[in-house]
Amino acid sequence: MAAFRDMVEVSKCLLSLLGTNRTEAQQRRLLGRHEQMMERLQEMQDGADQQLRETLAVEEEVAQSLLELKECTCQGNTELQQLEVELQRTSKEDTCLQARLRQLITELQELREMEEELQRQETEVDEDNTVTIPAAVPLRPRGGPAHPPGQCTALAEVHQ
Protein backbone atom coordinates (compact mmCIF):
# COMPACT_ATOMS: atom_id res chain seq x y z
CA MET A 1 0.00 0.00 0.00
CA ALA A 2 2.84 2.34 0.81
CA ALA A 3 4.21 1.68 -2.65
CA PHE A 4 1.01 2.93 -4.25
CA ARG A 5 1.06 6.08 -2.17
CA ASP A 6 4.65 6.65 -3.15
CA MET A 7 3.72 6.12 -6.78
CA VAL A 8 0.88 8.63 -6.54
CA GLU A 9 3.19 11.16 -4.87
CA VAL A 10 5.86 10.70 -7.55
CA SER A 11 3.29 11.01 -10.28
CA LYS A 12 2.03 14.27 -8.76
CA CYS A 13 5.58 15.53 -8.49
CA LEU A 14 6.26 14.66 -12.12
CA LEU A 15 3.16 16.43 -13.23
CA SER A 16 4.07 19.48 -11.20
CA LEU A 17 7.59 19.47 -12.64
CA LEU A 18 6.31 19.24 -16.14
CA GLY A 19 3.91 22.05 -15.42
CA THR A 20 6.52 24.36 -13.94
CA ASN A 21 9.33 23.65 -16.37
CA ARG A 22 11.93 22.77 -13.79
CA THR A 23 15.30 21.64 -14.59
CA GLU A 24 16.10 18.52 -16.43
CA ALA A 25 18.15 17.12 -13.53
CA GLN A 26 15.19 17.16 -11.22
CA GLN A 27 13.13 15.36 -13.83
CA ARG A 28 15.76 12.64 -14.22
CA ARG A 29 15.97 12.20 -10.48
CA LEU A 30 12.21 11.87 -10.21
CA LEU A 31 12.08 9.49 -13.14
CA GLY A 32 14.77 7.35 -11.46
CA ARG A 33 12.82 7.37 -8.24
CA HIS A 34 9.70 6.42 -10.20
CA GLU A 35 11.51 3.45 -11.76
CA GLN A 36 12.74 2.32 -8.34
CA MET A 37 9.23 2.46 -6.97
CA MET A 38 7.90 0.49 -9.90
CA GLU A 39 10.60 -2.16 -9.38
CA ARG A 40 9.77 -2.29 -5.69
CA LEU A 41 6.10 -2.58 -6.53
CA GLN A 42 6.83 -5.44 -8.94
CA GLU A 43 8.92 -7.22 -6.30
CA MET A 44 6.17 -6.80 -3.76
CA GLN A 45 3.62 -8.15 -6.19
CA ASP A 46 5.87 -11.12 -7.00
CA GLY A 47 6.30 -11.79 -3.27
CA ALA A 48 2.56 -11.57 -2.71
CA ASP A 49 1.96 -13.99 -5.59
CA GLN A 50 4.49 -16.43 -4.13
CA GLN A 51 2.89 -16.21 -0.69
CA LEU A 52 -0.52 -16.76 -2.24
CA ARG A 53 0.72 -19.87 -4.09
CA GLU A 54 2.29 -21.21 -0.88
CA THR A 55 -0.91 -20.53 1.07
CA LEU A 56 -2.94 -22.31 -1.61
CA ALA A 57 -0.61 -25.32 -1.47
CA VAL A 58 -0.93 -25.50 2.32
CA GLU A 59 -4.72 -25.19 2.10
CA GLU A 60 -4.82 -28.02 -0.45
CA GLU A 61 -2.72 -30.24 1.83
CA VAL A 62 -4.97 -29.47 4.79
CA ALA A 63 -8.09 -30.15 2.72
CA GLN A 64 -6.65 -33.47 1.52
CA SER A 65 -5.73 -34.42 5.08
CA LEU A 66 -9.23 -33.57 6.26
CA LEU A 67 -10.77 -35.69 3.50
CA GLU A 68 -8.54 -38.63 4.41
CA LEU A 69 -9.36 -38.19 8.08
CA LYS A 70 -13.07 -38.05 7.31
CA GLU A 71 -12.76 -41.25 5.26
CA CYS A 72 -10.91 -42.97 8.10
CA THR A 73 -13.58 -41.80 10.53
CA CYS A 74 -16.31 -43.21 8.30
CA GLN A 75 -14.48 -46.53 8.05
CA GLY A 76 -13.97 -46.56 11.81
CA ASN A 77 -17.67 -45.90 12.36
CA THR A 78 -18.58 -48.72 9.97
CA GLU A 79 -16.22 -51.11 11.76
CA LEU A 80 -17.61 -49.99 15.11
CA GLN A 81 -21.17 -50.70 13.97
CA GLN A 82 -20.12 -54.13 12.70
CA LEU A 83 -18.43 -54.87 16.02
CA GLU A 84 -21.53 -53.75 17.92
CA VAL A 85 -23.70 -56.09 15.81
CA GLU A 86 -21.20 -58.91 16.37
CA LEU A 87 -21.15 -58.15 20.10
CA GLN A 88 -24.94 -58.29 20.29
CA ARG A 89 -25.01 -61.56 18.36
CA THR A 90 -22.27 -63.03 20.53
CA SER A 91 -24.03 -61.81 23.67
CA LYS A 92 -27.26 -63.54 22.61
CA GLU A 93 -25.30 -66.67 21.76
CA ASP A 94 -23.56 -66.51 25.15
CA THR A 95 -26.91 -66.18 26.91
CA CYS A 96 -28.23 -69.21 25.02
CA LEU A 97 -25.09 -71.20 25.80
CA GLN A 98 -25.29 -70.29 29.50
CA ALA A 99 -28.94 -71.35 29.61
CA ARG A 100 -28.05 -74.63 27.87
CA LEU A 101 -25.14 -75.13 30.30
CA ARG A 102 -27.45 -74.61 33.29
CA GLN A 103 -29.88 -77.11 31.77
CA LEU A 104 -27.09 -79.64 31.22
CA ILE A 105 -25.82 -79.14 34.77
CA THR A 106 -29.33 -79.76 36.08
CA GLU A 107 -29.64 -82.89 33.93
CA LEU A 108 -26.21 -84.07 35.11
CA GLN A 109 -27.25 -83.57 38.72
CA GLU A 110 -30.47 -85.50 38.08
CA LEU A 111 -28.48 -88.29 36.42
CA ARG A 112 -26.10 -88.43 39.39
CA GLU A 113 -29.04 -88.64 41.75
CA MET A 114 -30.57 -91.38 39.60
CA GLU A 115 -27.23 -93.21 39.58
CA GLU A 116 -26.98 -92.96 43.36
CA GLU A 117 -30.56 -94.24 43.65
CA LEU A 118 -29.79 -97.13 41.27
CA GLN A 119 -26.65 -97.99 43.24
CA ARG A 120 -28.65 -97.90 46.46
CA GLN A 121 -31.32 -100.12 44.93
CA GLU A 122 -28.66 -102.46 43.54
CA THR A 123 -27.07 -102.69 46.97
CA GLU A 124 -30.47 -103.49 48.48
CA VAL A 125 -31.12 -106.13 45.82
CA ASP A 126 -27.69 -107.65 46.44
CA GLU A 127 -28.40 -107.74 50.19
CA ASP A 128 -31.83 -109.27 49.54
CA ASN A 129 -30.26 -111.86 47.23
CA THR A 130 -27.67 -112.74 49.81
CA VAL A 131 -30.37 -113.27 52.40
CA THR A 132 -32.72 -114.99 49.96
CA ILE A 133 -30.35 -117.64 48.60
CA PRO A 134 -29.80 -119.45 51.91
CA ALA A 135 -33.51 -119.31 52.62
CA ALA A 136 -34.20 -121.02 49.30
CA VAL A 137 -32.44 -124.20 50.50
CA PRO A 138 -34.95 -126.57 52.14
CA LEU A 139 -34.32 -127.46 55.68
CA ARG A 140 -32.69 -130.87 56.07
CA PRO A 141 -34.61 -133.49 57.84
CA ARG A 142 -33.30 -134.50 61.22
CA GLY A 143 -30.85 -137.23 61.08
CA GLY A 144 -30.89 -137.26 57.29
CA PRO A 145 -28.19 -136.22 54.91
CA ALA A 146 -27.14 -132.56 54.94
CA HIS A 147 -28.34 -132.11 51.38
CA PRO A 148 -30.61 -134.30 49.32
CA PRO A 149 -28.85 -136.13 46.55
CA GLY A 150 -28.39 -134.01 43.38
CA GLN A 151 -28.89 -130.81 45.32
CA CYS A 152 -25.19 -130.62 46.22
CA THR A 153 -24.35 -130.24 42.57
CA ALA A 154 -26.94 -127.48 42.14
CA LEU A 155 -25.71 -125.63 45.23
CA ALA A 156 -22.12 -125.86 44.03
CA GLU A 157 -23.09 -124.34 40.68
CA VAL A 158 -24.99 -121.50 42.38
CA HIS A 159 -22.13 -120.93 44.76
CA GLN A 160 -19.67 -120.66 41.91
C-alpha atoms as a PDB file:
ATOM      1  CA  MET A   1       0.000   0.000   0.000  1.00  0.00           C
ATOM      2  CA  ALA A   2       2.841   2.345   0.807  1.00  0.00           C
ATOM      3  CA  ALA A   3       4.208   1.685  -2.655  1.00  0.00           C
ATOM      4  CA  PHE A   4       1.010   2.927  -4.254  1.00  0.00           C
ATOM      5  CA  ARG A   5       1.059   6.084  -2.166  1.00  0.00           C
ATOM      6  CA  ASP A   6       4.647   6.652  -3.155  1.00  0.00           C
ATOM      7  CA  MET A   7       3.724   6.122  -6.782  1.00  0.00           C
ATOM      8  CA  VAL A   8       0.875   8.632  -6.540  1.00  0.00           C
ATOM      9  CA  GLU A   9       3.188  11.157  -4.874  1.00  0.00           C
ATOM     10  CA  VAL A  10       5.860  10.699  -7.552  1.00  0.00           C
ATOM     11  CA  SER A  11       3.295  11.011 -10.277  1.00  0.00           C
ATOM     12  CA  LYS A  12       2.030  14.270  -8.763  1.00  0.00           C
ATOM     13  CA  CYS A  13       5.575  15.534  -8.491  1.00  0.00           C
ATOM     14  CA  LEU A  14       6.261  14.658 -12.117  1.00  0.00           C
ATOM     15  CA  LEU A  15       3.160  16.426 -13.227  1.00  0.00           C
ATOM     16  CA  SER A  16       4.072  19.482 -11.201  1.00  0.00           C
ATOM     17  CA  LEU A  17       7.587  19.471 -12.643  1.00  0.00           C
ATOM     18  CA  LEU A  18       6.307  19.236 -16.136  1.00  0.00           C
ATOM     19  CA  GLY A  19       3.908  22.050 -15.425  1.00  0.00           C
ATOM     20  CA  THR A  20       6.525  24.363 -13.935  1.00  0.00           C
ATOM     21  CA  ASN A  21       9.328  23.647 -16.365  1.00  0.00           C
ATOM     22  CA  ARG A  22      11.932  22.772 -13.793  1.00  0.00           C
ATOM     23  CA  THR A  23      15.302  21.639 -14.589  1.00  0.00           C
ATOM     24  CA  GLU A  24      16.095  18.516 -16.428  1.00  0.00           C
ATOM     25  CA  ALA A  25      18.149  17.119 -13.525  1.00  0.00           C
ATOM     26  CA  GLN A  26      15.193  17.164 -11.222  1.00  0.00           C
ATOM     27  CA  GLN A  27      13.129  15.362 -13.828  1.00  0.00           C
ATOM     28  CA  ARG A  28      15.761  12.645 -14.224  1.00  0.00           C
ATOM     29  CA  ARG A  29      15.969  12.200 -10.481  1.00  0.00           C
ATOM     30  CA  LEU A  30      12.209  11.870 -10.208  1.00  0.00           C
ATOM     31  CA  LEU A  31      12.084   9.489 -13.141  1.00  0.00           C
ATOM     32  CA  GLY A  32      14.770   7.352 -11.461  1.00  0.00           C
ATOM     33  CA  ARG A  33      12.823   7.366  -8.241  1.00  0.00           C
ATOM     34  CA  HIS A  34       9.702   6.417 -10.198  1.00  0.00           C
ATOM     35  CA  GLU A  35      11.505   3.450 -11.761  1.00  0.00           C
ATOM     36  CA  GLN A  36      12.738   2.322  -8.336  1.00  0.00           C
ATOM     37  CA  MET A  37       9.232   2.458  -6.970  1.00  0.00           C
ATOM     38  CA  MET A  38       7.905   0.490  -9.904  1.00  0.00           C
ATOM     39  CA  GLU A  39      10.596  -2.156  -9.379  1.00  0.00           C
ATOM     40  CA  ARG A  40       9.772  -2.286  -5.686  1.00  0.00           C
ATOM     41  CA  LEU A  41       6.101  -2.578  -6.533  1.00  0.00           C
ATOM     42  CA  GLN A  42       6.829  -5.435  -8.943  1.00  0.00           C
ATOM     43  CA  GLU A  43       8.925  -7.217  -6.301  1.00  0.00           C
ATOM     44  CA  MET A  44       6.166  -6.797  -3.760  1.00  0.00           C
ATOM     45  CA  GLN A  45       3.623  -8.154  -6.189  1.00  0.00           C
ATOM     46  CA  ASP A  46       5.869 -11.124  -7.003  1.00  0.00           C
ATOM     47  CA  GLY A  47       6.303 -11.792  -3.271  1.00  0.00           C
ATOM     48  CA  ALA A  48       2.559 -11.573  -2.708  1.00  0.00           C
ATOM     49  CA  ASP A  49       1.957 -13.985  -5.589  1.00  0.00           C
ATOM     50  CA  GLN A  50       4.492 -16.425  -4.129  1.00  0.00           C
ATOM     51  CA  GLN A  51       2.893 -16.214  -0.685  1.00  0.00           C
ATOM     52  CA  LEU A  52      -0.517 -16.757  -2.236  1.00  0.00           C
ATOM     53  CA  ARG A  53       0.717 -19.873  -4.086  1.00  0.00           C
ATOM     54  CA  GLU A  54       2.288 -21.211  -0.881  1.00  0.00           C
ATOM     55  CA  THR A  55      -0.906 -20.530   1.069  1.00  0.00           C
ATOM     56  CA  LEU A  56      -2.939 -22.313  -1.605  1.00  0.00           C
ATOM     57  CA  ALA A  57      -0.612 -25.318  -1.472  1.00  0.00           C
ATOM     58  CA  VAL A  58      -0.930 -25.500   2.317  1.00  0.00           C
ATOM     59  CA  GLU A  59      -4.719 -25.191   2.097  1.00  0.00           C
ATOM     60  CA  GLU A  60      -4.819 -28.020  -0.453  1.00  0.00           C
ATOM     61  CA  GLU A  61      -2.719 -30.242   1.826  1.00  0.00           C
ATOM     62  CA  VAL A  62      -4.965 -29.471   4.790  1.00  0.00           C
ATOM     63  CA  ALA A  63      -8.093 -30.148   2.722  1.00  0.00           C
ATOM     64  CA  GLN A  64      -6.651 -33.474   1.519  1.00  0.00           C
ATOM     65  CA  SER A  65      -5.731 -34.425   5.084  1.00  0.00           C
ATOM     66  CA  LEU A  66      -9.226 -33.565   6.257  1.00  0.00           C
ATOM     67  CA  LEU A  67     -10.770 -35.685   3.498  1.00  0.00           C
ATOM     68  CA  GLU A  68      -8.544 -38.633   4.410  1.00  0.00           C
ATOM     69  CA  LEU A  69      -9.358 -38.189   8.084  1.00  0.00           C
ATOM     70  CA  LYS A  70     -13.073 -38.054   7.313  1.00  0.00           C
ATOM     71  CA  GLU A  71     -12.764 -41.254   5.264  1.00  0.00           C
ATOM     72  CA  CYS A  72     -10.905 -42.971   8.097  1.00  0.00           C
ATOM     73  CA  THR A  73     -13.578 -41.795  10.529  1.00  0.00           C
ATOM     74  CA  CYS A  74     -16.312 -43.211   8.305  1.00  0.00           C
ATOM     75  CA  GLN A  75     -14.478 -46.533   8.046  1.00  0.00           C
ATOM     76  CA  GLY A  76     -13.967 -46.562  11.811  1.00  0.00           C
ATOM     77  CA  ASN A  77     -17.675 -45.904  12.359  1.00  0.00           C
ATOM     78  CA  THR A  78     -18.576 -48.725   9.972  1.00  0.00           C
ATOM     79  CA  GLU A  79     -16.221 -51.112  11.762  1.00  0.00           C
ATOM     80  CA  LEU A  80     -17.608 -49.994  15.114  1.00  0.00           C
ATOM     81  CA  GLN A  81     -21.173 -50.696  13.969  1.00  0.00           C
ATOM     82  CA  GLN A  82     -20.118 -54.128  12.697  1.00  0.00           C
ATOM     83  CA  LEU A  83     -18.426 -54.866  16.018  1.00  0.00           C
ATOM     84  CA  GLU A  84     -21.526 -53.754  17.920  1.00  0.00           C
ATOM     85  CA  VAL A  85     -23.696 -56.087  15.815  1.00  0.00           C
ATOM     86  CA  GLU A  86     -21.202 -58.911  16.372  1.00  0.00           C
ATOM     87  CA  LEU A  87     -21.149 -58.148  20.104  1.00  0.00           C
ATOM     88  CA  GLN A  88     -24.943 -58.295  20.294  1.00  0.00           C
ATOM     89  CA  ARG A  89     -25.008 -61.563  18.356  1.00  0.00           C
ATOM     90  CA  THR A  90     -22.272 -63.031  20.534  1.00  0.00           C
ATOM     91  CA  SER A  91     -24.026 -61.812  23.675  1.00  0.00           C
ATOM     92  CA  LYS A  92     -27.264 -63.545  22.609  1.00  0.00           C
ATOM     93  CA  GLU A  93     -25.301 -66.672  21.758  1.00  0.00           C
ATOM     94  CA  ASP A  94     -23.562 -66.514  25.145  1.00  0.00           C
ATOM     95  CA  THR A  95     -26.908 -66.175  26.906  1.00  0.00           C
ATOM     96  CA  CYS A  96     -28.232 -69.211  25.021  1.00  0.00           C
ATOM     97  CA  LEU A  97     -25.094 -71.200  25.802  1.00  0.00           C
ATOM     98  CA  GLN A  98     -25.286 -70.294  29.497  1.00  0.00           C
ATOM     99  CA  ALA A  99     -28.937 -71.349  29.610  1.00  0.00           C
ATOM    100  CA  ARG A 100     -28.053 -74.629  27.872  1.00  0.00           C
ATOM    101  CA  LEU A 101     -25.138 -75.127  30.303  1.00  0.00           C
ATOM    102  CA  ARG A 102     -27.450 -74.614  33.292  1.00  0.00           C
ATOM    103  CA  GLN A 103     -29.880 -77.105  31.772  1.00  0.00           C
ATOM    104  CA  LEU A 104     -27.094 -79.641  31.217  1.00  0.00           C
ATOM    105  CA  ILE A 105     -25.817 -79.139  34.772  1.00  0.00           C
ATOM    106  CA  THR A 106     -29.335 -79.758  36.075  1.00  0.00           C
ATOM    107  CA  GLU A 107     -29.643 -82.886  33.925  1.00  0.00           C
ATOM    108  CA  LEU A 108     -26.214 -84.065  35.109  1.00  0.00           C
ATOM    109  CA  GLN A 109     -27.250 -83.565  38.722  1.00  0.00           C
ATOM    110  CA  GLU A 110     -30.472 -85.501  38.079  1.00  0.00           C
ATOM    111  CA  LEU A 111     -28.484 -88.293  36.418  1.00  0.00           C
ATOM    112  CA  ARG A 112     -26.103 -88.431  39.387  1.00  0.00           C
ATOM    113  CA  GLU A 113     -29.044 -88.638  41.755  1.00  0.00           C
ATOM    114  CA  MET A 114     -30.565 -91.376  39.605  1.00  0.00           C
ATOM    115  CA  GLU A 115     -27.232 -93.208  39.578  1.00  0.00           C
ATOM    116  CA  GLU A 116     -26.978 -92.964  43.355  1.00  0.00           C
ATOM    117  CA  GLU A 117     -30.562 -94.243  43.651  1.00  0.00           C
ATOM    118  CA  LEU A 118     -29.791 -97.127  41.271  1.00  0.00           C
ATOM    119  CA  GLN A 119     -26.654 -97.991  43.239  1.00  0.00           C
ATOM    120  CA  ARG A 120     -28.648 -97.901  46.462  1.00  0.00           C
ATOM    121  CA  GLN A 121     -31.322-100.115  44.935  1.00  0.00           C
ATOM    122  CA  GLU A 122     -28.657-102.460  43.545  1.00  0.00           C
ATOM    123  CA  THR A 123     -27.069-102.687  46.973  1.00  0.00           C
ATOM    124  CA  GLU A 124     -30.467-103.486  48.484  1.00  0.00           C
ATOM    125  CA  VAL A 125     -31.118-106.126  45.823  1.00  0.00           C
ATOM    126  CA  ASP A 126     -27.686-107.650  46.439  1.00  0.00           C
ATOM    127  CA  GLU A 127     -28.405-107.739  50.193  1.00  0.00           C
ATOM    128  CA  ASP A 128     -31.827-109.267  49.535  1.00  0.00           C
ATOM    129  CA  ASN A 129     -30.259-111.865  47.229  1.00  0.00           C
ATOM    130  CA  THR A 130     -27.669-112.738  49.809  1.00  0.00           C
ATOM    131  CA  VAL A 131     -30.366-113.271  52.398  1.00  0.00           C
ATOM    132  CA  THR A 132     -32.721-114.990  49.958  1.00  0.00           C
ATOM    133  CA  ILE A 133     -30.350-117.640  48.596  1.00  0.00           C
ATOM    134  CA  PRO A 134     -29.799-119.453  51.913  1.00  0.00           C
ATOM    135  CA  ALA A 135     -33.507-119.309  52.615  1.00  0.00           C
ATOM    136  CA  ALA A 136     -34.197-121.018  49.298  1.00  0.00           C
ATOM    137  CA  VAL A 137     -32.444-124.198  50.502  1.00  0.00           C
ATOM    138  CA  PRO A 138     -34.949-126.570  52.143  1.00  0.00           C
ATOM    139  CA  LEU A 139     -34.323-127.461  55.678  1.00  0.00           C
ATOM    140  CA  ARG A 140     -32.689-130.873  56.070  1.00  0.00           C
ATOM    141  CA  PRO A 141     -34.607-133.493  57.844  1.00  0.00           C
ATOM    142  CA  ARG A 142     -33.299-134.499  61.218  1.00  0.00           C
ATOM    143  CA  GLY A 143     -30.852-137.231  61.077  1.00  0.00           C
ATOM    144  CA  GLY A 144     -30.888-137.259  57.289  1.00  0.00           C
ATOM    145  CA  PRO A 145     -28.192-136.221  54.909  1.00  0.00           C
ATOM    146  CA  ALA A 146     -27.140-132.557  54.937  1.00  0.00           C
ATOM    147  CA  HIS A 147     -28.335-132.113  51.382  1.00  0.00           C
ATOM    148  CA  PRO A 148     -30.612-134.297  49.322  1.00  0.00           C
ATOM    149  CA  PRO A 149     -28.853-136.129  46.552  1.00  0.00           C
ATOM    150  CA  GLY A 150     -28.389-134.006  43.376  1.00  0.00           C
ATOM    151  CA  GLN A 151     -28.889-130.810  45.319  1.00  0.00           C
ATOM    152  CA  CYS A 152     -25.185-130.617  46.216  1.00  0.00           C
ATOM    153  CA  THR A 153     -24.346-130.236  42.574  1.00  0.00           C
ATOM    154  CA  ALA A 154     -26.942-127.483  42.136  1.00  0.00           C
ATOM    155  CA  LEU A 155     -25.707-125.630  45.230  1.00  0.00           C
ATOM    156  CA  ALA A 156     -22.120-125.864  44.025  1.00  0.00           C
ATOM    157  CA  GLU A 157     -23.094-124.344  40.682  1.00  0.00           C
ATOM    158  CA  VAL A 158     -24.992-121.495  42.378  1.00  0.00           C
ATOM    159  CA  HIS A 159     -22.127-120.927  44.756  1.00  0.00           C
ATOM    160  CA  GLN A 160     -19.673-120.665  41.908  1.00  0.00           C
END
